[in-house]
Amino acid sequence: MNKSVHFSSMTGEWSTPADLFKKLDDIFHFDLDVCATAENAKCRRYFDKSQDGLSQIWKGTCWMNPPYGREIGSWIKKAHEASYVSFGSVYHAAARVVCLVPARTDTRWWHDYTGFGYVIYIRGRLKFGGCKNSAPFPSAIVLFGDFDLYEMAKVHAVGKRQS
């Protein structure tokens, strides 16, 4: 893997840190990785670019580490929308989506969608995809859907242990 690309604007893909994913998978037992490649998929079931995860129906407990470029707003919007089903004016729980995103609190997508979820800020900076250096930005885990307090507390503990 060409790690020099990770610290430039040449790509928006930041491979999920394996240890972080394992801790979260131990809590949630993910069914689907909604935006992956064959090389970086974290679940047996995944959507890659050819399947266009944004146009798919998300079911079960989903993992999402979206591309961090301009399209991130579309992914976070989809994660929020996938977490509920509307029957007229009544909303019902649908998919549960756990998102790893940059904590870009100054962006439109952050303000438009993360407030509908539960946000856990990760202490320190993550080292993505086995890179030697930490990312140049802070990260957060955002939960959309029907999560219980016990699960949220466990994720909060995971976020505090990162650095």
C-alpha atoms as a PDB file:
ATOM      1  CA  MET A   1       0.000   0.000   0.000  1.00  0.00           C
ATOM      2  CA  ASN A   2       1.315   3.464  -0.887  1.00  0.00           C
ATOM      3  CA  LYS A   3       0.989   5.204   2.467  1.00  0.00           C
ATOM      4  CA  SER A   4       2.164   8.570   1.140  1.00  0.00           C
ATOM      5  CA  VAL A   5      -1.200   8.909  -0.599  1.00  0.00           C
ATOM      6  CA  HIS A   6      -3.021   8.797   2.761  1.00  0.00           C
ATOM      7  CA  PHE A   7      -1.655  12.158   3.803  1.00  0.00           C
ATOM      8  CA  SER A   8      -2.571  14.041   0.646  1.00  0.00           C
ATOM      9  CA  SER A   9      -5.734  15.086  -1.115  1.00  0.00           C
ATOM     10  CA  MET A  10      -5.149  12.414  -3.798  1.00  0.00           C
ATOM     11  CA  THR A  11      -7.551  10.043  -2.061  1.00  0.00           C
ATOM     12  CA  GLY A  12     -10.392  10.262   0.425  1.00  0.00           C
ATOM     13  CA  GLU A  13     -10.003   6.633   1.510  1.00  0.00           C
ATOM     14  CA  TRP A  14      -8.669   6.032   4.999  1.00  0.00           C
ATOM     15  CA  SER A  15      -8.507   2.333   5.835  1.00  0.00           C
ATOM     16  CA  THR A  16     -10.123   1.542   9.193  1.00  0.00           C
ATOM     17  CA  PRO A  17      -7.637   0.768  11.979  1.00  0.00           C
ATOM     18  CA  ALA A  18      -7.955  -2.986  12.589  1.00  0.00           C
ATOM     19  CA  ASP A  19      -7.838  -2.734  16.389  1.00  0.00           C
ATOM     20  CA  LEU A  20     -10.596  -0.111  16.481  1.00  0.00           C
ATOM     21  CA  PHE A  21     -12.815  -2.137  14.165  1.00  0.00           C
ATOM     22  CA  LYS A  22     -12.298  -5.313  16.239  1.00  0.00           C
ATOM     23  CA  LYS A  23     -13.364  -3.520  19.441  1.00  0.00           C
ATOM     24  CA  LEU A  24     -16.479  -2.155  17.734  1.00  0.00           C
ATOM     25  CA  ASP A  25     -17.285  -5.464  16.030  1.00  0.00           C
ATOM     26  CA  ASP A  26     -17.058  -7.195  19.427  1.00  0.00           C
ATOM     27  CA  ILE A  27     -19.840  -4.861  20.596  1.00  0.00           C
ATOM     28  CA  PHE A  28     -22.058  -4.779  17.497  1.00  0.00           C
ATOM     29  CA  HIS A  29     -21.297  -7.909  15.384  1.00  0.00           C
ATOM     30  CA  PHE A  30     -21.570  -6.095  12.054  1.00  0.00           C
ATOM     31  CA  ASP A  31     -23.562  -7.599   9.181  1.00  0.00           C
ATOM     32  CA  LEU A  32     -22.549  -5.266   6.358  1.00  0.00           C
ATOM     33  CA  ASP A  33     -19.725  -2.908   5.359  1.00  0.00           C
ATOM     34  CA  VAL A  34     -21.588  -0.320   3.297  1.00  0.00           C
ATOM     35  CA  CYS A  35     -18.648   1.304   1.479  1.00  0.00           C
ATOM     36  CA  ALA A  36     -15.632  -0.917   0.969  1.00  0.00           C
ATOM     37  CA  THR A  37     -13.291  -2.448  -1.532  1.00  0.00           C
ATOM     38  CA  ALA A  38     -12.408  -6.128  -1.805  1.00  0.00           C
ATOM     39  CA  GLU A  39      -9.070  -5.256  -0.188  1.00  0.00           C
ATOM     40  CA  ASN A  40     -10.378  -3.341   2.828  1.00  0.00           C
ATOM     41  CA  ALA A  41     -13.850  -4.835   3.515  1.00  0.00           C
ATOM     42  CA  LYS A  42     -14.441  -5.443   7.197  1.00  0.00           C
ATOM     43  CA  CYS A  43     -17.463  -7.731   6.798  1.00  0.00           C
ATOM     44  CA  ARG A  44     -18.240 -10.748   4.636  1.00  0.00           C
ATOM     45  CA  ARG A  45     -21.073  -8.741   3.083  1.00  0.00           C
ATOM     46  CA  TYR A  46     -20.039  -5.412   1.657  1.00  0.00           C
ATOM     47  CA  PHE A  47     -20.884  -2.893  -1.026  1.00  0.00           C
ATOM     48  CA  ASP A  48     -18.080  -1.726  -3.280  1.00  0.00           C
ATOM     49  CA  LYS A  49     -18.039   1.112  -5.819  1.00  0.00           C
ATOM     50  CA  SER A  50     -19.581  -1.047  -8.539  1.00  0.00           C
ATOM     51  CA  GLN A  51     -22.557  -1.804  -6.262  1.00  0.00           C
ATOM     52  CA  ASP A  52     -22.902   1.844  -5.176  1.00  0.00           C
ATOM     53  CA  GLY A  53     -23.745   1.559  -1.490  1.00  0.00           C
ATOM     54  CA  LEU A  54     -25.571   4.884  -1.615  1.00  0.00           C
ATOM     55  CA  SER A  55     -28.249   3.350  -3.853  1.00  0.00           C
ATOM     56  CA  GLN A  56     -28.604   0.122  -1.849  1.00  0.00           C
ATOM     57  CA  ILE A  57     -30.939  -0.730   1.035  1.00  0.00           C
ATOM     58  CA  TRP A  58     -28.956  -1.085   4.245  1.00  0.00           C
ATOM     59  CA  LYS A  59     -30.147  -3.747   6.688  1.00  0.00           C
ATOM     60  CA  GLY A  60     -28.925  -5.122   9.986  1.00  0.00           C
ATOM     61  CA  THR A  61     -25.992  -3.601  11.815  1.00  0.00           C
ATOM     62  CA  CYS A  62     -23.848  -1.726   9.331  1.00  0.00           C
ATOM     63  CA  TRP A  63     -20.262  -0.484   9.429  1.00  0.00           C
ATOM     64  CA  MET A  64     -19.446   2.717   7.557  1.00  0.00           C
ATOM     65  CA  ASN A  65     -16.028   4.302   7.099  1.00  0.00           C
ATOM     66  CA  PRO A  66     -16.873   6.498   4.105  1.00  0.00           C
ATOM     67  CA  PRO A  67     -14.538   8.209   1.668  1.00  0.00           C
ATOM     68  CA  TYR A  68     -13.513  11.455   3.385  1.00  0.00           C
ATOM     69  CA  GLY A  69     -13.749  13.667   0.284  1.00  0.00           C
ATOM     70  CA  ARG A  70     -16.589  15.860  -0.923  1.00  0.00           C
ATOM     71  CA  GLU A  71     -18.970  12.887  -1.055  1.00  0.00           C
ATOM     72  CA  ILE A  72     -18.863  12.308   2.717  1.00  0.00           C
ATOM     73  CA  GLY A  73     -22.041  14.383   3.136  1.00  0.00           C
ATOM     74  CA  SER A  74     -23.962  11.954   0.918  1.00  0.00           C
ATOM     75  CA  TRP A  75     -22.723   9.003   2.982  1.00  0.00           C
ATOM     76  CA  ILE A  76     -23.611  10.501   6.361  1.00  0.00           C
ATOM     77  CA  LYS A  77     -27.035  11.494   5.020  1.00  0.00           C
ATOM     78  CA  LYS A  78     -27.602   7.910   3.803  1.00  0.00           C
ATOM     79  CA  ALA A  79     -26.493   6.526   7.193  1.00  0.00           C
ATOM     80  CA  HIS A  80     -29.024   8.743   8.956  1.00  0.00           C
ATOM     81  CA  GLU A  81     -31.818   7.893   6.507  1.00  0.00           C
ATOM     82  CA  ALA A  82     -31.056   4.142   6.608  1.00  0.00           C
ATOM     83  CA  SER A  83     -31.597   4.151  10.378  1.00  0.00           C
ATOM     84  CA  TYR A  84     -35.340   4.699  10.168  1.00  0.00           C
ATOM     85  CA  VAL A  85     -38.322   3.803   8.019  1.00  0.00           C
ATOM     86  CA  SER A  86     -41.193   6.247   7.670  1.00  0.00           C
ATOM     87  CA  PHE A  87     -44.806   5.114   7.516  1.00  0.00           C
ATOM     88  CA  GLY A  88     -46.569   8.411   7.043  1.00  0.00           C
ATOM     89  CA  SER A  89     -45.743  10.464  10.126  1.00  0.00           C
ATOM     90  CA  VAL A  90     -44.593   7.427  12.145  1.00  0.00           C
ATOM     91  CA  TYR A  91     -40.915   6.432  12.136  1.00  0.00           C
ATOM     92  CA  HIS A  92     -39.670   2.938  12.912  1.00  0.00           C
ATOM     93  CA  ALA A  93     -36.150   1.696  13.528  1.00  0.00           C
ATOM     94  CA  ALA A  94     -34.465   0.154  10.500  1.00  0.00           C
ATOM     95  CA  ALA A  95     -30.719  -0.380  10.066  1.00  0.00           C
ATOM     96  CA  ARG A  96     -28.247   0.369  12.824  1.00  0.00           C
ATOM     97  CA  VAL A  97     -25.267   2.231  11.381  1.00  0.00           C
ATOM     98  CA  VAL A  98     -21.926   2.774  13.098  1.00  0.00           C
ATOM     99  CA  CYS A  99     -19.852   5.417  11.321  1.00  0.00           C
ATOM    100  CA  LEU A 100     -16.185   6.319  11.613  1.00  0.00           C
ATOM    101  CA  VAL A 101     -15.819   9.876  10.364  1.00  0.00           C
ATOM    102  CA  PRO A 102     -13.492  12.839  10.695  1.00  0.00           C
ATOM    103  CA  ALA A 103     -14.748  15.159  13.454  1.00  0.00           C
ATOM    104  CA  ARG A 104     -15.320  18.063  11.103  1.00  0.00           C
ATOM    105  CA  THR A 105     -17.641  20.053  13.298  1.00  0.00           C
ATOM    106  CA  ASP A 106     -17.351  23.087  11.030  1.00  0.00           C
ATOM    107  CA  THR A 107     -18.986  21.408   8.030  1.00  0.00           C
ATOM    108  CA  ARG A 108     -22.535  21.443   6.742  1.00  0.00           C
ATOM    109  CA  TRP A 109     -22.844  17.631   6.707  1.00  0.00           C
ATOM    110  CA  TRP A 110     -21.777  17.456  10.362  1.00  0.00           C
ATOM    111  CA  HIS A 111     -24.427  19.943  11.460  1.00  0.00           C
ATOM    112  CA  ASP A 112     -27.153  18.604   9.162  1.00  0.00           C
ATOM    113  CA  TYR A 113     -26.893  14.935  10.201  1.00  0.00           C
ATOM    114  CA  THR A 114     -24.753  13.992  13.199  1.00  0.00           C
ATOM    115  CA  GLY A 115     -27.200  15.636  15.596  1.00  0.00           C
ATOM    116  CA  PHE A 116     -29.653  12.835  14.739  1.00  0.00           C
ATOM    117  CA  GLY A 117     -27.163  10.266  16.007  1.00  0.00           C
ATOM    118  CA  TYR A 118     -25.056   9.636  19.064  1.00  0.00           C
ATOM    119  CA  VAL A 119     -21.534  11.066  18.713  1.00  0.00           C
ATOM    120  CA  ILE A 120     -18.455   9.706  20.487  1.00  0.00           C
ATOM    121  CA  TYR A 121     -15.273  11.721  19.990  1.00  0.00           C
ATOM    122  CA  ILE A 122     -12.124   9.632  19.781  1.00  0.00           C
ATOM    123  CA  ARG A 123      -9.280  10.683  22.042  1.00  0.00           C
ATOM    124  CA  GLY A 124      -6.089  11.412  20.138  1.00  0.00           C
ATOM    125  CA  ARG A 125      -5.542  10.853  16.435  1.00  0.00           C
ATOM    126  CA  LEU A 126      -6.068   7.480  14.759  1.00  0.00           C
ATOM    127  CA  LYS A 127      -3.437   5.647  12.750  1.00  0.00           C
ATOM    128  CA  PHE A 128      -5.338   4.525   9.689  1.00  0.00           C
ATOM    129  CA  GLY A 129      -4.538   1.339   7.801  1.00  0.00           C
ATOM    130  CA  GLY A 130      -1.365   0.548   9.676  1.00  0.00           C
ATOM    131  CA  CYS A 131       0.249   3.885   8.770  1.00  0.00           C
ATOM    132  CA  LYS A 132       3.250   4.948  10.819  1.00  0.00           C
ATOM    133  CA  ASN A 133       1.896   8.444  11.493  1.00  0.00           C
ATOM    134  CA  SER A 134      -1.411   9.520  12.968  1.00  0.00           C
ATOM    135  CA  ALA A 135      -4.059  11.190  10.836  1.00  0.00           C
ATOM    136  CA  PRO A 136      -3.902  14.990  10.574  1.00  0.00           C
ATOM    137  CA  PHE A 137      -7.481  15.290  11.856  1.00  0.00           C
ATOM    138  CA  PRO A 138      -9.560  14.155  14.856  1.00  0.00           C
ATOM    139  CA  SER A 139     -12.133  11.377  14.429  1.00  0.00           C
ATOM    140  CA  ALA A 140     -15.523  10.469  15.833  1.00  0.00           C
ATOM    141  CA  ILE A 141     -17.840   7.492  15.911  1.00  0.00           C
ATOM    142  CA  VAL A 142     -21.452   8.318  15.087  1.00  0.00           C
ATOM    143  CA  LEU A 143     -24.266   5.860  15.830  1.00  0.00           C
ATOM    144  CA  PHE A 144     -27.509   6.082  13.899  1.00  0.00           C
ATOM    145  CA  GLY A 145     -30.408   3.820  14.827  1.00  0.00           C
ATOM    146  CA  ASP A 146     -31.716   1.899  17.779  1.00  0.00           C
ATOM    147  CA  PHE A 147     -28.784   1.482  20.190  1.00  0.00           C
ATOM    148  CA  ASP A 148     -29.123   0.858  23.891  1.00  0.00           C
ATOM    149  CA  LEU A 149     -27.308   2.741  26.646  1.00  0.00           C
ATOM    150  CA  TYR A 150     -25.061  -0.232  27.405  1.00  0.00           C
ATOM    151  CA  GLU A 151     -23.789  -0.291  23.802  1.00  0.00           C
ATOM    152  CA  MET A 152     -23.266   3.466  23.775  1.00  0.00           C
ATOM    153  CA  ALA A 153     -21.301   3.307  27.031  1.00  0.00           C
ATOM    154  CA  LYS A 154     -19.071   0.574  25.608  1.00  0.00           C
ATOM    155  CA  VAL A 155     -18.368   2.650  22.486  1.00  0.00           C
ATOM    156  CA  HIS A 156     -17.631   5.667  24.645  1.00  0.00           C
ATOM    157  CA  ALA A 157     -15.021   3.576  26.492  1.00  0.00           C
ATOM    158  CA  VAL A 158     -13.475   2.494  23.157  1.00  0.00           C
ATOM    159  CA  GLY A 159     -13.203   6.131  22.068  1.00  0.00           C
ATOM    160  CA  LYS A 160     -11.496   7.167  25.295  1.00  0.00           C
ATOM    161  CA  ARG A 161      -8.872   4.408  24.983  1.00  0.00           C
ATOM    162  CA  GLN A 162      -7.645   5.438  21.525  1.00  0.00           C
ATOM    163  CA  SER A 163      -4.528   7.593  21.174  1.00  0.00           C
END
